[in-house]
Amino acid sequence: MRSAFLALAGGVLALSVHAETGAVLRMDFSNPALSPSQWTLVIHPDGSGHFNSKRGNPSTADRPVIDAPDVDRDIQLSAEFANRVFQTVRRHRFLNERCDSLQKVAFQGLKKITYTGPEGQGTCEFNYSKDKEIQALSDSLVAVASTIVEGARLELLRHHDPLGLDSEMDYVADAVHDGRLQQIGAIRGLLERLEEDSGVMERVRKRARELLTQADK
């Protein structure tokens, strides 16, 4: 009986995975006032994906910025995060609805979120969404992209300005705490290298260890 149940459960899981085969969520972002000025984030239901960004004109209004290089690499996000993303898309008819706000708000960047999968497809394009859940989804994806770009910036500092890592890691810790950076596990490899690097300050290594404890959340 137990073996039959396990076989049935395995079959249901296989069907579930098969049903999502080919499902892809893509977000394209552009804002010429920022660096990167353009990026694309692709996510699959298992959390795997890809990120590509192009440098722009960095803004130094808020804090000194070390301009990160272009990024083009595969990424891995948590399955829980990916599940929330795809559930949101399903609740919104696979993005087959108008989502841009008609209100006049400051330009925050053009976002284009596209879903393609066996159940359907759709695209939502906006500066600011009138739907709170879609706007929250957008904010989370922007925060993930910011994490990946920040990882590239930290790698640059590690090689060319190790002392600059101290203040930058303080920024990372604060940004993770308030949600400006999400899915810190996307830069797990970089954090592990910092933790093991005897050439950087001990405080930086400690910050890296602390951030790694949050990498799967």
Protein backbone atom coordinates (compact mmCIF):
# COMPACT_ATOMS: atom_id res chain seq x y z
CA MET A 1 0.00 0.00 0.00
CA ARG A 2 2.78 2.41 0.96
CA SER A 3 4.65 1.75 -2.26
CA ALA A 4 1.48 2.32 -4.26
CA PHE A 5 0.89 5.63 -2.48
CA LEU A 6 4.46 6.75 -3.12
CA ALA A 7 4.15 5.82 -6.76
CA LEU A 8 0.91 7.80 -7.02
CA ALA A 9 2.45 10.81 -5.26
CA GLY A 10 5.45 10.65 -7.53
CA GLY A 11 3.18 10.53 -10.54
CA VAL A 12 1.23 13.58 -9.38
CA LEU A 13 4.46 15.48 -8.80
CA ALA A 14 5.74 14.49 -12.21
CA LEU A 15 2.52 15.67 -13.82
CA SER A 16 2.75 18.97 -11.91
CA VAL A 17 6.32 19.53 -13.04
CA HIS A 18 5.42 18.52 -16.58
CA ALA A 19 2.49 20.96 -16.59
CA GLU A 20 4.88 23.81 -15.86
CA THR A 21 7.47 22.74 -18.42
CA GLY A 22 8.15 25.68 -20.67
CA ALA A 23 6.63 28.26 -18.31
CA VAL A 24 8.76 31.41 -18.33
CA LEU A 25 8.42 34.81 -16.72
CA ARG A 26 10.46 37.64 -18.18
CA MET A 27 10.83 41.21 -16.97
CA ASP A 28 12.44 43.89 -19.13
CA PHE A 29 13.38 47.15 -17.42
CA SER A 30 14.69 50.39 -18.88
CA ASN A 31 15.52 53.78 -17.40
CA PRO A 32 18.21 55.87 -19.16
CA ALA A 33 18.86 57.83 -15.95
CA LEU A 34 20.13 54.74 -14.13
CA SER A 35 22.97 52.28 -14.44
CA PRO A 36 22.29 49.66 -15.58
CA SER A 37 19.96 51.49 -17.94
CA GLN A 38 18.49 48.23 -19.27
CA TRP A 39 18.17 44.76 -17.89
CA THR A 40 16.27 41.54 -18.48
CA LEU A 41 15.40 38.98 -15.82
CA VAL A 42 14.11 35.53 -16.82
CA ILE A 43 12.68 33.11 -14.24
CA HIS A 44 11.50 29.49 -14.51
CA PRO A 45 9.18 27.77 -12.00
CA ASP A 46 12.08 25.97 -10.29
CA GLY A 47 13.84 29.29 -9.58
CA SER A 48 16.46 28.92 -12.29
CA GLY A 49 16.85 31.77 -14.72
CA HIS A 50 19.09 34.27 -16.46
CA PHE A 51 20.00 37.92 -16.00
CA ASN A 52 21.42 40.36 -18.52
CA SER A 53 22.15 44.05 -17.98
CA LYS A 54 23.66 46.98 -19.88
CA ARG A 55 25.48 49.83 -18.19
CA GLY A 56 24.14 53.37 -18.35
CA ASN A 57 24.88 56.70 -16.70
CA PRO A 58 25.23 56.16 -12.95
CA SER A 59 23.50 58.53 -10.57
CA THR A 60 25.39 59.74 -7.51
CA ALA A 61 22.48 61.60 -5.94
CA ASP A 62 21.96 59.19 -3.06
CA ARG A 63 25.44 57.79 -2.46
CA PRO A 64 28.75 57.33 -4.26
CA VAL A 65 28.24 54.66 -6.87
CA ILE A 66 30.77 52.19 -8.22
CA ASP A 67 29.36 51.48 -11.63
CA ALA A 68 28.89 47.74 -12.03
CA PRO A 69 29.97 46.13 -15.30
CA ASP A 70 27.52 44.52 -17.71
CA VAL A 71 26.12 41.28 -16.34
CA ASP A 72 25.17 38.24 -18.41
CA ARG A 73 24.82 35.06 -16.37
CA ASP A 74 22.56 32.27 -15.20
CA ILE A 75 20.98 32.70 -11.77
CA GLN A 76 19.26 30.55 -9.16
CA LEU A 77 16.49 31.96 -6.98
CA SER A 78 14.64 30.11 -4.24
CA ALA A 79 11.81 27.81 -5.33
CA GLU A 80 9.55 29.55 -2.80
CA PHE A 81 10.16 32.94 -4.41
CA ALA A 82 9.58 31.55 -7.90
CA ASN A 83 6.36 29.91 -6.73
CA ARG A 84 5.04 33.23 -5.40
CA VAL A 85 5.90 34.90 -8.69
CA PHE A 86 4.06 32.35 -10.83
CA GLN A 87 1.08 32.24 -8.48
CA THR A 88 0.71 36.01 -8.84
CA VAL A 89 0.79 35.70 -12.61
CA ARG A 90 -1.91 33.01 -12.55
CA ARG A 91 -4.15 35.15 -10.37
CA HIS A 92 -3.87 37.88 -12.97
CA ARG A 93 -4.95 35.87 -15.99
CA PHE A 94 -1.34 35.30 -17.10
CA LEU A 95 -0.96 39.10 -17.42
CA ASN A 96 -3.76 39.41 -19.96
CA GLU A 97 -5.02 42.65 -18.46
CA ARG A 98 -4.16 46.32 -18.46
CA CYS A 99 -1.99 47.13 -15.47
CA ASP A 100 -0.62 50.63 -16.01
CA SER A 101 -1.87 53.32 -13.66
CA LEU A 102 -3.68 56.26 -15.25
CA GLN A 103 -2.41 58.53 -12.49
CA LYS A 104 0.49 60.86 -13.13
CA VAL A 105 3.44 59.58 -11.13
CA ALA A 106 7.17 60.22 -11.41
CA PHE A 107 8.95 58.05 -13.97
CA GLN A 108 10.42 55.05 -12.18
CA GLY A 109 11.47 53.05 -15.20
CA LEU A 110 9.54 51.20 -17.88
CA LYS A 111 8.70 47.65 -16.81
CA LYS A 112 7.48 44.97 -19.18
CA ILE A 113 6.52 41.66 -17.58
CA THR A 114 5.80 38.80 -19.97
CA TYR A 115 4.51 35.29 -19.24
CA THR A 116 4.62 32.40 -21.68
CA GLY A 117 3.59 28.87 -20.82
CA PRO A 118 1.34 25.92 -21.63
CA GLU A 119 -1.67 27.65 -20.03
CA GLY A 120 -1.39 30.84 -22.05
CA GLN A 121 0.62 33.99 -22.44
CA GLY A 122 0.38 37.68 -21.75
CA THR A 123 2.28 40.94 -21.30
CA CYS A 124 1.92 43.78 -18.83
CA GLU A 125 3.77 47.05 -19.49
CA PHE A 126 3.86 50.00 -17.10
CA ASN A 127 5.75 52.67 -15.23
CA TYR A 128 3.58 52.27 -12.14
CA SER A 129 0.81 49.69 -11.89
CA LYS A 130 -2.70 50.44 -10.69
CA ASP A 131 -2.85 46.90 -9.30
CA LYS A 132 -1.12 46.63 -5.92
CA GLU A 133 -0.17 42.98 -6.40
CA ILE A 134 1.37 43.57 -9.83
CA GLN A 135 3.24 46.58 -8.47
CA ALA A 136 4.51 44.47 -5.56
CA LEU A 137 5.62 41.79 -8.04
CA SER A 138 7.47 44.42 -10.03
CA ASP A 139 9.13 45.82 -6.90
CA SER A 140 10.31 42.33 -5.93
CA LEU A 141 11.76 41.64 -9.37
CA VAL A 142 13.53 45.01 -9.36
CA ALA A 143 14.96 44.13 -5.94
CA VAL A 144 16.24 40.79 -7.29
CA ALA A 145 17.87 42.55 -10.24
CA SER A 146 19.43 45.04 -7.83
CA THR A 147 20.89 42.15 -5.84
CA ILE A 148 22.54 40.66 -8.93
CA VAL A 149 23.94 44.03 -10.01
CA GLU A 150 25.19 44.64 -6.48
CA GLY A 151 26.99 41.31 -6.63
CA ALA A 152 28.83 42.47 -9.75
CA ARG A 153 29.71 45.72 -8.00
CA LEU A 154 31.08 43.87 -4.96
CA GLU A 155 33.18 41.61 -7.18
CA LEU A 156 34.64 44.70 -8.83
CA LEU A 157 35.51 46.20 -5.46
CA ARG A 158 37.03 42.94 -4.26
CA HIS A 159 39.55 43.05 -7.09
CA HIS A 160 40.19 46.79 -7.39
CA ASP A 161 39.25 48.47 -4.09
CA PRO A 162 39.07 45.97 -1.19
CA LEU A 163 38.84 48.78 1.37
CA GLY A 164 35.71 50.05 -0.34
CA LEU A 165 33.98 46.79 0.48
CA ASP A 166 33.44 47.84 4.10
CA SER A 167 30.93 50.62 3.44
CA GLU A 168 29.41 48.75 0.48
CA MET A 169 28.67 45.70 2.62
CA ASP A 170 27.01 47.96 5.19
CA TYR A 171 24.76 49.21 2.39
CA VAL A 172 23.99 45.65 1.30
CA ALA A 173 23.01 44.61 4.83
CA ASP A 174 20.71 47.62 5.20
CA ALA A 175 19.17 47.08 1.77
CA VAL A 176 18.48 43.39 2.46
CA HIS A 177 16.85 44.36 5.74
CA ASP A 178 14.45 46.89 4.18
CA GLY A 179 13.75 44.91 1.00
CA ARG A 180 15.62 46.99 -1.57
CA LEU A 181 17.68 43.86 -2.21
CA GLN A 182 15.95 40.46 -2.33
CA GLN A 183 17.03 36.87 -2.98
CA ILE A 184 20.55 37.39 -1.69
CA GLY A 185 21.16 33.73 -2.57
CA ALA A 186 21.49 34.87 -6.19
CA ILE A 187 25.00 36.08 -5.26
CA ARG A 188 25.82 33.21 -2.93
CA GLY A 189 29.06 32.40 -4.76
CA LEU A 190 30.37 35.93 -4.35
CA LEU A 191 29.47 36.02 -0.65
CA GLU A 192 31.28 32.71 -0.12
CA ARG A 193 34.38 34.10 -1.82
CA LEU A 194 34.27 37.18 0.40
CA GLU A 195 33.83 35.05 3.51
CA GLU A 196 36.94 33.04 2.65
CA ASP A 197 39.08 35.94 1.40
CA SER A 198 41.83 36.75 3.89
CA GLY A 199 42.70 39.79 1.81
CA VAL A 200 39.60 41.72 2.86
CA MET A 201 38.69 43.21 6.22
CA GLU A 202 37.39 40.82 8.88
CA ARG A 203 34.29 42.98 9.19
CA VAL A 204 33.54 42.37 5.50
CA ARG A 205 33.99 38.61 5.98
CA LYS A 206 31.63 38.73 8.97
CA ARG A 207 29.01 40.60 6.95
CA ALA A 208 29.30 38.00 4.20
CA ARG A 209 28.75 35.18 6.73
CA GLU A 210 25.68 36.93 8.11
CA LEU A 211 24.22 37.45 4.66
CA LEU A 212 24.82 33.81 3.73
CA THR A 213 22.50 32.76 6.59
CA GLN A 214 19.72 34.58 4.73
CA ALA A 215 20.59 33.20 1.32
CA ASP A 216 17.80 30.63 1.19
CA LYS A 217 14.98 32.88 2.42
